[in-house]
Amino acid sequence: DILDNLDFAFMATAEARYDRYSIVGDVVYVKLGADAHTP
């Protein structure tokens, strides 16, 4: 059902690295619709 329900999704990762050390940023955005139900 993923493609039927997905409106938009995006992710991006960025890294700055020096020797063994790293600084990492990660962004995830997801917008989707789905059918649901109550008990």
PDB file of all heavy atoms in Angstrom:
ATOM      1  N   ASP A   1       0.807  -1.219   0.000  1.00  0.00           N
ATOM      2  CA  ASP A   1       0.000   0.000   0.000  1.00  0.00           C
ATOM      3  C   ASP A   1       0.842   1.273   0.000  1.00  0.00           C
ATOM      4  O   ASP A   1       0.284   2.372  -0.029  1.00  0.00           O
ATOM      5  CB  ASP A   1      -0.902   0.037   1.246  1.00  0.00           C
ATOM      6  CG  ASP A   1      -1.863  -1.133   1.291  1.00  0.00           C
ATOM      7  OD1 ASP A   1      -2.333  -1.527   0.209  1.00  0.00           O
ATOM      8  OD2 ASP A   1      -2.112  -1.656   2.392  1.00  0.00           O
ATOM      9  N   ILE A   2       2.164   1.140   0.064  1.00  0.00           N
ATOM     10  CA  ILE A   2       3.020   2.301   0.266  1.00  0.00           C
ATOM     11  C   ILE A   2       2.790   3.374  -0.794  1.00  0.00           C
ATOM     12  O   ILE A   2       2.537   4.540  -0.483  1.00  0.00           O
ATOM     13  CB  ILE A   2       4.502   1.884   0.303  1.00  0.00           C
ATOM     14  CG1 ILE A   2       4.813   1.174   1.621  1.00  0.00           C
ATOM     15  CG2 ILE A   2       5.416   3.104   0.140  1.00  0.00           C
ATOM     16  CD1 ILE A   2       6.222   0.645   1.714  1.00  0.00           C
ATOM     17  N   LEU A   3       2.864   3.013  -2.067  1.00  0.00           N
ATOM     18  CA  LEU A   3       2.754   4.016  -3.126  1.00  0.00           C
ATOM     19  C   LEU A   3       1.342   4.585  -3.218  1.00  0.00           C
ATOM     20  O   LEU A   3       1.159   5.732  -3.621  1.00  0.00           O
ATOM     21  CB  LEU A   3       3.187   3.419  -4.459  1.00  0.00           C
ATOM     22  CG  LEU A   3       4.678   3.047  -4.554  1.00  0.00           C
ATOM     23  CD1 LEU A   3       4.987   2.477  -5.935  1.00  0.00           C
ATOM     24  CD2 LEU A   3       5.565   4.249  -4.271  1.00  0.00           C
ATOM     25  N   ASP A   4       0.335   3.799  -2.836  1.00  0.00           N
ATOM     26  CA  ASP A   4      -1.032   4.297  -2.867  1.00  0.00           C
ATOM     27  C   ASP A   4      -1.273   5.339  -1.788  1.00  0.00           C
ATOM     28  O   ASP A   4      -2.068   6.268  -1.970  1.00  0.00           O
ATOM     29  CB  ASP A   4      -2.022   3.135  -2.677  1.00  0.00           C
ATOM     30  CG  ASP A   4      -2.020   2.180  -3.852  1.00  0.00           C
ATOM     31  OD1 ASP A   4      -1.679   2.625  -4.968  1.00  0.00           O
ATOM     32  OD2 ASP A   4      -2.350   1.000  -3.658  1.00  0.00           O
ATOM     33  N   ASN A   5      -0.614   5.211  -0.639  1.00  0.00           N
ATOM     34  CA  ASN A   5      -0.862   6.085   0.497  1.00  0.00           C
ATOM     35  C   ASN A   5       0.120   7.247   0.605  1.00  0.00           C
ATOM     36  O   ASN A   5      -0.151   8.232   1.285  1.00  0.00           O
ATOM     37  CB  ASN A   5      -0.805   5.284   1.799  1.00  0.00           C
ATOM     38  CG  ASN A   5      -1.958   4.313   1.922  1.00  0.00           C
ATOM     39  OD1 ASN A   5      -3.075   4.680   2.238  1.00  0.00           O
ATOM     40  ND2 ASN A   5      -1.679   3.051   1.652  1.00  0.00           N
ATOM     41  N   LEU A   6       1.274   7.133  -0.046  1.00  0.00           N
ATOM     42  CA  LEU A   6       2.326   8.143   0.111  1.00  0.00           C
ATOM     43  C   LEU A   6       1.973   9.441  -0.612  1.00  0.00           C
ATOM     44  O   LEU A   6       1.636   9.444  -1.788  1.00  0.00           O
ATOM     45  CB  LEU A   6       3.646   7.593  -0.430  1.00  0.00           C
ATOM     46  CG  LEU A   6       4.854   8.518  -0.337  1.00  0.00           C
ATOM     47  CD1 LEU A   6       5.254   8.718   1.126  1.00  0.00           C
ATOM     48  CD2 LEU A   6       6.028   7.952  -1.128  1.00  0.00           C
ATOM     49  N   ASP A   7       2.041  10.556   0.112  1.00  0.00           N
ATOM     50  CA  ASP A   7       1.903  11.875  -0.499  1.00  0.00           C
ATOM     51  C   ASP A   7       3.274  12.431  -0.863  1.00  0.00           C
ATOM     52  O   ASP A   7       3.489  12.901  -1.967  1.00  0.00           O
ATOM     53  CB  ASP A   7       1.189  12.831   0.462  1.00  0.00           C
ATOM     54  CG  ASP A   7      -0.278  12.460   0.642  1.00  0.00           C
ATOM     55  OD1 ASP A   7      -0.871  11.945  -0.318  1.00  0.00           O
ATOM     56  OD2 ASP A   7      -0.814  12.669   1.745  1.00  0.00           O
ATOM     57  N   PHE A   8       4.207  12.398   0.086  1.00  0.00           N
ATOM     58  CA  PHE A   8       5.556  12.882  -0.185  1.00  0.00           C
ATOM     59  C   PHE A   8       6.483  12.415   0.932  1.00  0.00           C
ATOM     60  O   PHE A   8       6.084  12.359   2.096  1.00  0.00           O
ATOM     61  CB  PHE A   8       5.582  14.409  -0.256  1.00  0.00           C
ATOM     62  CG  PHE A   8       6.942  14.966  -0.589  1.00  0.00           C
ATOM     63  CD1 PHE A   8       7.417  14.933  -1.886  1.00  0.00           C
ATOM     64  CD2 PHE A   8       7.751  15.503   0.407  1.00  0.00           C
ATOM     65  CE1 PHE A   8       8.673  15.441  -2.196  1.00  0.00           C
ATOM     66  CE2 PHE A   8       8.996  16.021   0.111  1.00  0.00           C
ATOM     67  CZ  PHE A   8       9.462  15.979  -1.207  1.00  0.00           C
ATOM     68  N   ALA A   9       7.723  12.060   0.566  1.00  0.00           N
ATOM     69  CA  ALA A   9       8.720  11.692   1.561  1.00  0.00           C
ATOM     70  C   ALA A   9      10.096  12.104   1.068  1.00  0.00           C
ATOM     71  O   ALA A   9      10.402  11.985  -0.118  1.00  0.00           O
ATOM     72  CB  ALA A   9       8.683  10.189   1.847  1.00  0.00           C
ATOM     73  N   PHE A  10      10.908  12.605   1.977  1.00  0.00           N
ATOM     74  CA  PHE A  10      12.252  13.054   1.615  1.00  0.00           C
ATOM     75  C   PHE A  10      13.179  12.854   2.804  1.00  0.00           C
ATOM     76  O   PHE A  10      12.780  13.031   3.951  1.00  0.00           O
ATOM     77  CB  PHE A  10      12.233  14.535   1.226  1.00  0.00           C
ATOM     78  CG  PHE A  10      13.608  15.107   1.007  1.00  0.00           C
ATOM     79  CD1 PHE A  10      14.273  14.909  -0.192  1.00  0.00           C
ATOM     80  CD2 PHE A  10      14.231  15.840   2.011  1.00  0.00           C
ATOM     81  CE1 PHE A  10      15.538  15.433  -0.393  1.00  0.00           C
ATOM     82  CE2 PHE A  10      15.495  16.379   1.808  1.00  0.00           C
ATOM     83  CZ  PHE A  10      16.146  16.174   0.602  1.00  0.00           C
ATOM     84  N   MET A  11      14.419  12.467   2.530  1.00  0.00           N
ATOM     85  CA  MET A  11      15.423  12.382   3.570  1.00  0.00           C
ATOM     86  C   MET A  11      16.753  12.839   3.005  1.00  0.00           C
ATOM     87  O   MET A  11      17.019  12.706   1.802  1.00  0.00           O
ATOM     88  CB  MET A  11      15.549  10.959   4.126  1.00  0.00           C
ATOM     89  CG  MET A  11      15.882   9.903   3.098  1.00  0.00           C
ATOM     90  SD  MET A  11      16.063   8.237   3.804  1.00  0.00           S
ATOM     91  CE  MET A  11      17.701   8.371   4.534  1.00  0.00           C
ATOM     92  N   ALA A  12      17.576  13.401   3.853  1.00  0.00           N
ATOM     93  CA  ALA A  12      18.906  13.846   3.434  1.00  0.00           C
ATOM     94  C   ALA A  12      19.848  13.721   4.615  1.00  0.00           C
ATOM     95  O   ALA A  12      19.486  13.991   5.762  1.00  0.00           O
ATOM     96  CB  ALA A  12      18.873  15.287   2.936  1.00  0.00           C
ATOM     97  N   THR A  13      21.079  13.303   4.329  1.00  0.00           N
ATOM     98  CA  THR A  13      22.112  13.154   5.341  1.00  0.00           C
ATOM     99  C   THR A  13      23.318  13.981   4.935  1.00  0.00           C
ATOM    100  O   THR A  13      23.676  14.038   3.760  1.00  0.00           O
ATOM    101  CB  THR A  13      22.525  11.681   5.483  1.00  0.00           C
ATOM    102  OG1 THR A  13      21.388  10.909   5.859  1.00  0.00           O
ATOM    103  CG2 THR A  13      23.597  11.520   6.537  1.00  0.00           C
ATOM    104  N   ALA A  14      23.950  14.617   5.911  1.00  0.00           N
ATOM    105  CA  ALA A  14      25.176  15.375   5.665  1.00  0.00           C
ATOM    106  C   ALA A  14      26.194  15.024   6.745  1.00  0.00           C
ATOM    107  O   ALA A  14      25.832  14.830   7.916  1.00  0.00           O
ATOM    108  CB  ALA A  14      24.899  16.878   5.669  1.00  0.00           C
ATOM    109  N   GLU A  15      27.461  14.937   6.352  1.00  0.00           N
ATOM    110  CA  GLU A  15      28.516  14.601   7.305  1.00  0.00           C
ATOM    111  C   GLU A  15      29.750  15.462   7.071  1.00  0.00           C
ATOM    112  O   GLU A  15      30.147  15.711   5.930  1.00  0.00           O
ATOM    113  CB  GLU A  15      28.914  13.131   7.194  1.00  0.00           C
ATOM    114  CG  GLU A  15      30.022  12.762   8.181  1.00  0.00           C
ATOM    115  CD  GLU A  15      30.564  11.360   7.953  1.00  0.00           C
ATOM    116  OE1 GLU A  15      30.866  11.030   6.788  1.00  0.00           O
ATOM    117  OE2 GLU A  15      30.694  10.607   8.918  1.00  0.00           O
ATOM    118  N   ALA A  16      30.335  15.925   8.159  1.00  0.00           N
ATOM    119  CA  ALA A  16      31.655  16.563   8.150  1.00  0.00           C
ATOM    120  C   ALA A  16      32.568  15.676   8.975  1.00  0.00           C
ATOM    121  O   ALA A  16      32.266  15.371  10.136  1.00  0.00           O
ATOM    122  CB  ALA A  16      31.586  17.962   8.748  1.00  0.00           C
ATOM    123  N   ARG A  17      33.677  15.249   8.390  1.00  0.00           N
ATOM    124  CA  ARG A  17      34.542  14.265   9.049  1.00  0.00           C
ATOM    125  C   ARG A  17      35.982  14.759   9.120  1.00  0.00           C
ATOM    126  O   ARG A  17      36.503  15.322   8.158  1.00  0.00           O
ATOM    127  CB  ARG A  17      34.478  12.943   8.297  1.00  0.00           C
ATOM    128  CG  ARG A  17      35.125  11.795   9.052  1.00  0.00           C
ATOM    129  CD  ARG A  17      34.942  10.472   8.322  1.00  0.00           C
ATOM    130  NE  ARG A  17      35.274   9.374   9.214  1.00  0.00           N
ATOM    131  CZ  ARG A  17      34.401   8.729   9.971  1.00  0.00           C
ATOM    132  NH1 ARG A  17      33.123   9.076   9.916  1.00  0.00           N
ATOM    133  NH2 ARG A  17      34.769   7.748  10.767  1.00  0.00           N
ATOM    134  N   TYR A  18      36.598  14.518  10.285  1.00  0.00           N
ATOM    135  CA  TYR A  18      38.006  14.844  10.469  1.00  0.00           C
ATOM    136  C   TYR A  18      38.668  13.682  11.205  1.00  0.00           C
ATOM    137  O   TYR A  18      38.335  13.389  12.352  1.00  0.00           O
ATOM    138  CB  TYR A  18      38.169  16.127  11.286  1.00  0.00           C
ATOM    139  CG  TYR A  18      39.612  16.561  11.447  1.00  0.00           C
ATOM    140  CD1 TYR A  18      40.230  17.336  10.468  1.00  0.00           C
ATOM    141  CD2 TYR A  18      40.347  16.185  12.564  1.00  0.00           C
ATOM    142  CE1 TYR A  18      41.546  17.743  10.606  1.00  0.00           C
ATOM    143  CE2 TYR A  18      41.670  16.583  12.705  1.00  0.00           C
ATOM    144  CZ  TYR A  18      42.262  17.364  11.720  1.00  0.00           C
ATOM    145  OH  TYR A  18      43.571  17.742  11.866  1.00  0.00           O
ATOM    146  N   ASP A  19      39.575  12.982  10.512  1.00  0.00           N
ATOM    147  CA  ASP A  19      40.240  11.817  11.080  1.00  0.00           C
ATOM    148  C   ASP A  19      39.186  10.797  11.511  1.00  0.00           C
ATOM    149  O   ASP A  19      38.337  10.416  10.726  1.00  0.00           O
ATOM    150  CB  ASP A  19      41.149  12.251  12.235  1.00  0.00           C
ATOM    151  CG  ASP A  19      42.124  11.153  12.658  1.00  0.00           C
ATOM    152  OD1 ASP A  19      42.416  10.278  11.833  1.00  0.00           O
ATOM    153  OD2 ASP A  19      42.575  11.163  13.822  1.00  0.00           O
ATOM    154  N   ARG A  20      39.160  10.381  12.780  1.00  0.00           N
ATOM    155  CA  ARG A  20      38.186   9.410  13.265  1.00  0.00           C
ATOM    156  C   ARG A  20      36.883  10.065  13.735  1.00  0.00           C
ATOM    157  O   ARG A  20      35.933   9.368  14.083  1.00  0.00           O
ATOM    158  CB  ARG A  20      38.777   8.592  14.417  1.00  0.00           C
ATOM    159  CG  ARG A  20      39.817   7.553  13.982  1.00  0.00           C
ATOM    160  CD  ARG A  20      40.373   6.822  15.186  1.00  0.00           C
ATOM    161  NE  ARG A  20      41.283   5.765  14.792  1.00  0.00           N
ATOM    162  CZ  ARG A  20      40.959   4.469  14.693  1.00  0.00           C
ATOM    163  NH1 ARG A  20      39.720   4.097  14.980  1.00  0.00           N
ATOM    164  NH2 ARG A  20      41.838   3.578  14.336  1.00  0.00           N
ATOM    165  N   TYR A  21      36.817  11.367  13.770  1.00  0.00           N
ATOM    166  CA  TYR A  21      35.668  12.078  14.323  1.00  0.00           C
ATOM    167  C   TYR A  21      34.725  12.540  13.205  1.00  0.00           C
ATOM    168  O   TYR A  21      35.153  12.874  12.099  1.00  0.00           O
ATOM    169  CB  TYR A  21      36.124  13.282  15.138  1.00  0.00           C
ATOM    170  CG  TYR A  21      37.013  12.909  16.302  1.00  0.00           C
ATOM    171  CD1 TYR A  21      38.399  12.883  16.153  1.00  0.00           C
ATOM    172  CD2 TYR A  21      36.473  12.569  17.539  1.00  0.00           C
ATOM    173  CE1 TYR A  21      39.217  12.531  17.218  1.00  0.00           C
ATOM    174  CE2 TYR A  21      37.283  12.226  18.606  1.00  0.00           C
ATOM    175  CZ  TYR A  21      38.659  12.203  18.436  1.00  0.00           C
ATOM    176  OH  TYR A  21      39.466  11.853  19.487  1.00  0.00           O
ATOM    177  N   SER A  22      33.430  12.577  13.519  1.00  0.00           N
ATOM    178  CA  SER A  22      32.444  13.013  12.524  1.00  0.00           C
ATOM    179  C   SER A  22      31.312  13.780  13.194  1.00  0.00           C
ATOM    180  O   SER A  22      30.985  13.550  14.360  1.00  0.00           O
ATOM    181  CB  SER A  22      31.873  11.815  11.761  1.00  0.00           C
ATOM    182  OG  SER A  22      31.231  10.912  12.648  1.00  0.00           O
ATOM    183  N   ILE A  23      30.746  14.701  12.432  1.00  0.00           N
ATOM    184  CA  ILE A  23      29.532  15.425  12.822  1.00  0.00           C
ATOM    185  C   ILE A  23      28.486  15.098  11.759  1.00  0.00           C
ATOM    186  O   ILE A  23      28.724  15.299  10.569  1.00  0.00           O
ATOM    187  CB  ILE A  23      29.765  16.935  12.884  1.00  0.00           C
ATOM    188  CG1 ILE A  23      30.885  17.272  13.875  1.00  0.00           C
ATOM    189  CG2 ILE A  23      28.477  17.664  13.275  1.00  0.00           C
ATOM    190  CD1 ILE A  23      31.288  18.738  13.848  1.00  0.00           C
ATOM    191  N   VAL A  24      27.339  14.607  12.199  1.00  0.00           N
ATOM    192  CA  VAL A  24      26.345  14.094  11.254  1.00  0.00           C
ATOM    193  C   VAL A  24      24.993  14.751  11.477  1.00  0.00           C
ATOM    194  O   VAL A  24      24.550  14.909  12.623  1.00  0.00           O
ATOM    195  CB  VAL A  24      26.196  12.564  11.387  1.00  0.00           C
ATOM    196  CG1 VAL A  24      25.122  12.043  10.435  1.00  0.00           C
ATOM    197  CG2 VAL A  24      27.526  11.880  11.122  1.00  0.00           C
ATOM    198  N   GLY A  25      24.343  15.142  10.392  1.00  0.00           N
ATOM    199  CA  GLY A  25      22.975  15.636  10.434  1.00  0.00           C
ATOM    200  C   GLY A  25      22.099  14.797   9.531  1.00  0.00           C
ATOM    201  O   GLY A  25      22.534  14.348   8.467  1.00  0.00           O
ATOM    202  N   ASP A  26      20.862  14.546   9.955  1.00  0.00           N
ATOM    203  CA  ASP A  26      19.942  13.727   9.174  1.00  0.00           C
ATOM    204  C   ASP A  26      18.543  14.324   9.291  1.00  0.00           C
ATOM    205  O   ASP A  26      18.087  14.647  10.396  1.00  0.00           O
ATOM    206  CB  ASP A  26      19.940  12.288   9.695  1.00  0.00           C
ATOM    207  CG  ASP A  26      19.015  11.393   8.890  1.00  0.00           C
ATOM    208  OD1 ASP A  26      19.319  11.133   7.725  1.00  0.00           O
ATOM    209  OD2 ASP A  26      17.990  10.954   9.446  1.00  0.00           O
ATOM    210  N   VAL A  27      17.860  14.480   8.155  1.00  0.00           N
ATOM    211  CA  VAL A  27      16.524  15.060   8.124  1.00  0.00           C
ATOM    212  C   VAL A  27      15.582  14.097   7.414  1.00  0.00           C
ATOM    213  O   VAL A  27      15.894  13.590   6.330  1.00  0.00           O
ATOM    214  CB  VAL A  27      16.520  16.416   7.405  1.00  0.00           C
ATOM    215  CG1 VAL A  27      15.100  16.924   7.251  1.00  0.00           C
ATOM    216  CG2 VAL A  27      17.360  17.429   8.165  1.00  0.00           C
ATOM    217  N   VAL A  28      14.426  13.829   8.031  1.00  0.00           N
ATOM    218  CA  VAL A  28      13.409  12.964   7.440  1.00  0.00           C
ATOM    219  C   VAL A  28      12.071  13.689   7.483  1.00  0.00           C
ATOM    220  O   VAL A  28      11.641  14.147   8.547  1.00  0.00           O
ATOM    221  CB  VAL A  28      13.289  11.634   8.209  1.00  0.00           C
ATOM    222  CG1 VAL A  28      12.140  10.809   7.640  1.00  0.00           C
ATOM    223  CG2 VAL A  28      14.585  10.860   8.138  1.00  0.00           C
ATOM    224  N   TYR A  29      11.408  13.774   6.338  1.00  0.00           N
ATOM    225  CA  TYR A  29      10.073  14.367   6.264  1.00  0.00           C
ATOM    226  C   TYR A  29       9.162  13.398   5.507  1.00  0.00           C
ATOM    227  O   TYR A  29       9.504  12.949   4.405  1.00  0.00           O
ATOM    228  CB  TYR A  29      10.098  15.713   5.543  1.00  0.00           C
ATOM    229  CG  TYR A  29       8.715  16.270   5.296  1.00  0.00           C
ATOM    230  CD1 TYR A  29       8.019  16.927   6.303  1.00  0.00           C
ATOM    231  CD2 TYR A  29       8.094  16.116   4.062  1.00  0.00           C
ATOM    232  CE1 TYR A  29       6.729  17.423   6.089  1.00  0.00           C
ATOM    233  CE2 TYR A  29       6.824  16.609   3.832  1.00  0.00           C
ATOM    234  CZ  TYR A  29       6.150  17.258   4.859  1.00  0.00           C
ATOM    235  OH  TYR A  29       4.875  17.737   4.638  1.00  0.00           O
ATOM    236  N   VAL A  30       8.031  13.076   6.104  1.00  0.00           N
ATOM    237  CA  VAL A  30       7.090  12.146   5.486  1.00  0.00           C
ATOM    238  C   VAL A  30       5.671  12.682   5.640  1.00  0.00           C
ATOM    239  O   VAL A  30       5.262  13.066   6.739  1.00  0.00           O
ATOM    240  CB  VAL A  30       7.167  10.742   6.130  1.00  0.00           C
ATOM    241  CG1 VAL A  30       6.143   9.816   5.473  1.00  0.00           C
ATOM    242  CG2 VAL A  30       8.558  10.161   6.000  1.00  0.00           C
ATOM    243  N   LYS A  31       4.931  12.713   4.545  1.00  0.00           N
ATOM    244  CA  LYS A  31       3.507  13.040   4.577  1.00  0.00           C
ATOM    245  C   LYS A  31       2.762  11.953   3.822  1.00  0.00           C
ATOM    246  O   LYS A  31       3.042  11.684   2.655  1.00  0.00           O
ATOM    247  CB  LYS A  31       3.226  14.398   3.944  1.00  0.00           C
ATOM    248  CG  LYS A  31       1.750  14.795   4.021  1.00  0.00           C
ATOM    249  CD  LYS A  31       1.493  16.178   3.431  1.00  0.00           C
ATOM    250  CE  LYS A  31       0.016  16.551   3.543  1.00  0.00           C
ATOM    251  NZ  LYS A  31      -0.267  17.888   2.974  1.00  0.00           N
ATOM    252  N   LEU A  32       1.827  11.309   4.509  1.00  0.00           N
ATOM    253  CA  LEU A  32       1.069  10.242   3.861  1.00  0.00           C
ATOM    254  C   LEU A  32      -0.322  10.120   4.455  1.00  0.00           C
ATOM    255  O   LEU A  32      -0.591  10.574   5.565  1.00  0.00           O
ATOM    256  CB  LEU A  32       1.814   8.902   3.952  1.00  0.00           C
ATOM    257  CG  LEU A  32       2.324   8.436   5.318  1.00  0.00           C
ATOM    258  CD1 LEU A  32       1.219   7.771   6.101  1.00  0.00           C
ATOM    259  CD2 LEU A  32       3.473   7.466   5.139  1.00  0.00           C
ATOM    260  N   GLY A  33      -1.190   9.532   3.678  1.00  0.00           N
ATOM    261  CA  GLY A  33      -2.546   9.255   4.123  1.00  0.00           C
ATOM    262  C   GLY A  33      -2.750   7.760   4.209  1.00  0.00           C
ATOM    263  O   GLY A  33      -2.134   6.988   3.468  1.00  0.00           O
ATOM    264  N   ALA A  34      -3.614   7.332   5.135  1.00  0.00           N
ATOM    265  CA  ALA A  34      -3.847   5.905   5.305  1.00  0.00           C
ATOM    266  C   ALA A  34      -5.254   5.659   5.829  1.00  0.00           C
ATOM    267  O   ALA A  34      -5.834   6.508   6.513  1.00  0.00           O
ATOM    268  CB  ALA A  34      -2.823   5.317   6.273  1.00  0.00           C
ATOM    269  N   ASP A  35      -5.779   4.490   5.490  1.00  0.00           N
ATOM    270  CA  ASP A  35      -7.054   4.068   6.048  1.00  0.00           C
ATOM    271  C   ASP A  35      -6.814   3.455   7.416  1.00  0.00           C
ATOM    272  O   ASP A  35      -5.802   2.797   7.657  1.00  0.00           O
ATOM    273  CB  ASP A  35      -7.720   3.037   5.126  1.00  0.00           C
ATOM    274  CG  ASP A  35      -8.091   3.630   3.782  1.00  0.00           C
ATOM    275  OD1 ASP A  35      -8.418   4.835   3.737  1.00  0.00           O
ATOM    276  OD2 ASP A  35      -8.045   2.898   2.776  1.00  0.00           O
ATOM    277  N   ALA A  36      -7.751   3.680   8.325  1.00  0.00           N
ATOM    278  CA  ALA A  36      -7.616   3.159   9.684  1.00  0.00           C
ATOM    279  C   ALA A  36      -8.975   2.670  10.159  1.00  0.00           C
ATOM    280  O   ALA A  36      -9.986   2.759   9.446  1.00  0.00           O
ATOM    281  CB  ALA A  36      -7.083   4.249  10.608  1.00  0.00           C
ATOM    282  N   HIS A  37      -9.008   2.159  11.393  1.00  0.00           N
ATOM    283  CA  HIS A  37     -10.272   1.682  11.950  1.00  0.00           C
ATOM    284  C   HIS A  37     -10.245   1.789  13.460  1.00  0.00           C
ATOM    285  O   HIS A  37      -9.177   1.846  14.079  1.00  0.00           O
ATOM    286  CB  HIS A  37     -10.548   0.236  11.530  1.00  0.00           C
ATOM    287  CG  HIS A  37      -9.501  -0.740  11.998  1.00  0.00           C
ATOM    288  ND1 HIS A  37      -8.358  -0.994  11.271  1.00  0.00           N
ATOM    289  CD2 HIS A  37      -9.427  -1.502  13.128  1.00  0.00           C
ATOM    290  CE1 HIS A  37      -7.622  -1.883  11.923  1.00  0.00           C
ATOM    291  NE2 HIS A  37      -8.249  -2.208  13.044  1.00  0.00           N
ATOM    292  N   THR A  38     -11.422   1.846  14.053  1.00  0.00           N
ATOM    293  CA  THR A  38     -11.558   1.844  15.507  1.00  0.00           C
ATOM    294  C   THR A  38     -11.808   0.416  15.964  1.00  0.00           C
ATOM    295  O   THR A  38     -12.225  -0.438  15.164  1.00  0.00           O
ATOM    296  CB  THR A  38     -12.716   2.741  15.965  1.00  0.00           C
ATOM    297  OG1 THR A  38     -13.924   2.262  15.362  1.00  0.00           O
ATOM    298  CG2 THR A  38     -12.470   4.183  15.550  1.00  0.00           C
ATOM    299  N   PRO A  39     -11.567   0.104  17.251  1.00  0.00           N
ATOM    300  CA  PRO A  39     -11.799  -1.261  17.744  1.00  0.00           C
ATOM    301  C   PRO A  39     -13.221  -1.728  17.481  1.00  0.00           C
ATOM    302  O   PRO A  39     -14.192  -1.027  17.784  1.00  0.00           O
ATOM    303  CB  PRO A  39     -11.529  -1.122  19.249  1.00  0.00           C
ATOM    304  CG  PRO A  39     -10.563   0.021  19.343  1.00  0.00           C
ATOM    305  CD  PRO A  39     -10.999   0.981  18.275  1.00  0.00           C
TER     306      PRO A  39
END
